Amino acid sequence: MILVLIGPDLYQLARDYASAVSHVLWEDLGETEAAWGHLRVPMNAFLNAAQEKLG
């Protein structure tokens, strides 16, 4: 749905973020900080791009 409404760039960022979330949920990354470290970059990239695109 994101691809149709917003375009391929934001779609890819959303997929990257969703993949990181899935990885955190299904893999043992150890401490909580390791999980946040794994999520931080794709989450911020997606949220910043979405804010810029959607205003």
Protein backbone atom coordinates (compact mmCIF):
# COMPACT_ATOMS: atom_id res chain seq x y z
CA MET A 1 0.00 0.00 0.00
CA ILE A 2 2.83 2.42 0.80
CA LEU A 3 4.40 1.78 -2.61
CA VAL A 4 1.18 2.72 -4.39
CA LEU A 5 0.45 5.81 -2.31
CA ILE A 6 3.90 7.23 -1.62
CA GLY A 7 6.41 5.69 -4.01
CA PRO A 8 9.36 3.33 -4.01
CA ASP A 9 11.77 5.33 -1.83
CA LEU A 10 9.53 5.50 1.23
CA TYR A 11 8.33 1.97 0.56
CA GLN A 12 11.90 0.65 0.77
CA LEU A 13 12.54 2.54 3.99
CA ALA A 14 9.34 1.07 5.46
CA ARG A 15 10.45 -2.43 4.44
CA ASP A 16 13.89 -1.91 5.96
CA TYR A 17 12.31 -0.78 9.22
CA ALA A 18 9.82 -3.69 9.23
CA SER A 19 12.67 -6.13 8.60
CA ALA A 20 14.63 -4.68 11.52
CA VAL A 21 11.58 -4.99 13.79
CA SER A 22 11.08 -8.59 12.68
CA HIS A 23 14.73 -9.34 13.36
CA VAL A 24 14.47 -7.89 16.87
CA LEU A 25 11.32 -9.90 17.58
CA TRP A 26 12.65 -13.24 16.35
CA GLU A 27 16.39 -13.12 17.13
CA ASP A 28 18.06 -12.96 20.51
CA LEU A 29 20.05 -9.74 20.43
CA GLY A 30 20.89 -9.84 24.12
CA GLU A 31 20.32 -6.65 26.05
CA THR A 32 17.55 -4.17 25.34
CA GLU A 33 20.08 -1.57 24.20
CA ALA A 34 21.27 -3.94 21.46
CA ALA A 35 17.70 -4.18 20.14
CA TRP A 36 17.29 -0.39 20.14
CA GLY A 37 20.66 -0.04 18.45
CA HIS A 38 19.49 -2.39 15.72
CA LEU A 39 16.23 -0.46 15.23
CA ARG A 40 17.47 3.11 15.59
CA VAL A 41 18.92 3.72 12.10
CA PRO A 42 16.09 2.22 9.98
CA MET A 43 13.42 3.66 12.29
CA ASN A 44 14.82 7.19 12.10
CA ALA A 45 15.38 6.96 8.34
CA PHE A 46 11.77 5.87 7.77
CA LEU A 47 10.20 8.35 10.18
CA ASN A 48 12.24 11.30 8.88
CA ALA A 49 11.43 10.46 5.26
CA ALA A 50 7.73 9.97 6.07
CA GLN A 51 7.58 13.30 7.88
CA GLU A 52 9.29 15.05 4.99
CA LYS A 53 7.04 13.41 2.39
CA LEU A 54 3.76 13.79 4.28
CA GLY A 55 4.44 17.11 5.94
